[in-house]
C-alpha atoms as a PDB file:
ATOM      1  CA  MET A   1     -11.966 -10.507   9.996  1.00  0.00           C
ATOM      2  CA  ARG A   2      -9.598 -12.830   9.602  1.00  0.00           C
ATOM      3  CA  PRO A   3      -5.843 -12.549   9.006  1.00  0.00           C
ATOM      4  CA  GLY A   4      -6.110 -13.442   5.098  1.00  0.00           C
ATOM      5  CA  SER A   5      -9.021 -11.391   4.524  1.00  0.00           C
ATOM      6  CA  LEU A   6      -7.531  -8.798   6.405  1.00  0.00           C
ATOM      7  CA  THR A   7      -4.279  -8.929   4.078  1.00  0.00           C
ATOM      8  CA  ASP A   8      -6.213  -9.338   0.974  1.00  0.00           C
ATOM      9  CA  LEU A   9      -7.828  -6.031   1.918  1.00  0.00           C
ATOM     10  CA  LEU A  10      -4.507  -4.296   2.126  1.00  0.00           C
ATOM     11  CA  LEU A  11      -2.724  -5.752  -0.417  1.00  0.00           C
ATOM     12  CA  ARG A  12      -5.334  -4.477  -2.920  1.00  0.00           C
ATOM     13  CA  HIS A  13      -5.541  -0.974  -1.366  1.00  0.00           C
ATOM     14  CA  LEU A  14      -1.645  -0.524  -2.006  1.00  0.00           C
ATOM     15  CA  GLY A  15      -2.086  -1.687  -5.037  1.00  0.00           C
ATOM     16  CA  GLU A  16      -5.292   1.138  -5.305  1.00  0.00           C
ATOM     17  CA  GLN A  17      -2.831   4.119  -4.145  1.00  0.00           C
ATOM     18  CA  ASN A  18      -0.566   3.404  -6.478  1.00  0.00           C
ATOM     19  CA  ASP A  19      -2.700   3.166  -9.313  1.00  0.00           C
ATOM     20  CA  ILE A  20      -3.833   6.432  -7.793  1.00  0.00           C
ATOM     21  CA  LEU A  21      -0.494   7.525  -8.253  1.00  0.00           C
ATOM     22  CA  PHE A  22       0.546   6.423 -12.424  1.00  0.00           C
ATOM     23  CA  GLN A  23      -3.783   8.597 -11.968  1.00  0.00           C
ATOM     24  CA  ILE A  24      -2.084  11.890 -10.948  1.00  0.00           C
ATOM     25  CA  ARG A  25       0.864  11.610 -12.540  1.00  0.00           C
ATOM     26  CA  GLU A  26      -0.198  12.162 -16.550  1.00  0.00           C
ATOM     27  CA  ALA A  27      -3.400  14.726 -14.648  1.00  0.00           C
ATOM     28  CA  GLU A  28      -1.054  16.996 -12.520  1.00  0.00           C
ATOM     29  CA  THR A  29       1.959  19.572 -12.350  1.00  0.00           C
ATOM     30  CA  PRO A  30       4.831  18.469 -10.868  1.00  0.00           C
ATOM     31  CA  ALA A  31       4.811  20.400  -7.916  1.00  0.00           C
ATOM     32  CA  GLU A  32       1.331  18.643  -6.853  1.00  0.00           C
ATOM     33  CA  TYR A  33       2.479  15.276  -8.098  1.00  0.00           C
ATOM     34  CA  LEU A  34       5.426  15.265  -5.900  1.00  0.00           C
ATOM     35  CA  ARG A  35       2.976  16.616  -3.046  1.00  0.00           C
ATOM     36  CA  ILE A  36       0.168  14.291  -3.453  1.00  0.00           C
ATOM     37  CA  ARG A  37       3.127  11.505  -4.170  1.00  0.00           C
ATOM     38  CA  ASP A  38       5.069  12.004  -0.823  1.00  0.00           C
ATOM     39  CA  MET A  39       0.864  12.214   0.849  1.00  0.00           C
ATOM     40  CA  ILE A  40      -0.050   8.983   0.247  1.00  0.00           C
ATOM     41  CA  GLY A  41       3.365   7.210   0.435  1.00  0.00           C
ATOM     42  CA  ARG A  42       2.765   7.414   3.907  1.00  0.00           C
ATOM     43  CA  THR A  43      -0.581   6.299   4.361  1.00  0.00           C
ATOM     44  CA  MET A  44       0.768   3.507   2.167  1.00  0.00           C
ATOM     45  CA  GLY A  45       4.141   3.083   4.837  1.00  0.00           C
ATOM     46  CA  ALA A  46       2.338   3.448   8.095  1.00  0.00           C
ATOM     47  CA  ILE A  47      -0.198   0.191   6.113  1.00  0.00           C
ATOM     48  CA  SER A  48       2.948  -1.578   5.439  1.00  0.00           C
ATOM     49  CA  ALA A  49       4.677  -1.149   8.363  1.00  0.00           C
ATOM     50  CA  ASP A  50       1.746  -0.851  10.800  1.00  0.00           C
ATOM     51  CA  ALA A  51      -0.157  -3.322   9.306  1.00  0.00           C
ATOM     52  CA  LEU A  52       0.662  -5.874   7.153  1.00  0.00           C
ATOM     53  CA  ARG A  53       4.169  -7.093   8.721  1.00  0.00           C
ATOM     54  CA  PRO A  54       2.777  -7.929  12.136  1.00  0.00           C
ATOM     55  CA  ILE A  55       0.588  -9.738  10.287  1.00  0.00           C
ATOM     56  CA  PHE A  56       3.075 -11.541   8.385  1.00  0.00           C
ATOM     57  CA  ALA A  57       5.443 -11.571  11.385  1.00  0.00           C
ATOM     58  CA  GLU A  58       2.196 -13.857  12.876  1.00  0.00           C
ATOM     59  CA  HIS A  59       0.983 -15.772   9.712  1.00  0.00           C
ATOM     60  CA  PRO A  60       4.169 -15.641   7.554  1.00  0.00           C
ATOM     61  CA  ASP A  61       2.399 -17.825   5.270  1.00  0.00           C
ATOM     62  CA  LEU A  62      -0.371 -14.493   4.257  1.00  0.00           C
ATOM     63  CA  LYS A  63       2.781 -13.015   2.593  1.00  0.00           C
ATOM     64  CA  PRO A  64       3.056 -12.915  -1.200  1.00  0.00           C
ATOM     65  CA  ASP A  65       5.566 -14.742  -3.152  1.00  0.00           C
ATOM     66  CA  TYR A  66       6.310 -10.464  -4.620  1.00  0.00           C
ATOM     67  CA  LEU A  67       6.856  -9.769  -1.548  1.00  0.00           C
ATOM     68  CA  ARG A  68       9.590 -11.915  -0.348  1.00  0.00           C
END
């Protein structure tokens, strides 16, 4: 998979996870929301640190303007 395609996929996935958090916040108890937020936050952090950061280090032109 090309780095640009992978980057697009991962960024889209991060956006979807963020959307899930908004839905859960409206539908769940505060305690359940916090539990799920922490779980999703760990996955989002791993995607950002372990996947996107190395790609952007090697291909800085792929980093979207909103992340600069």
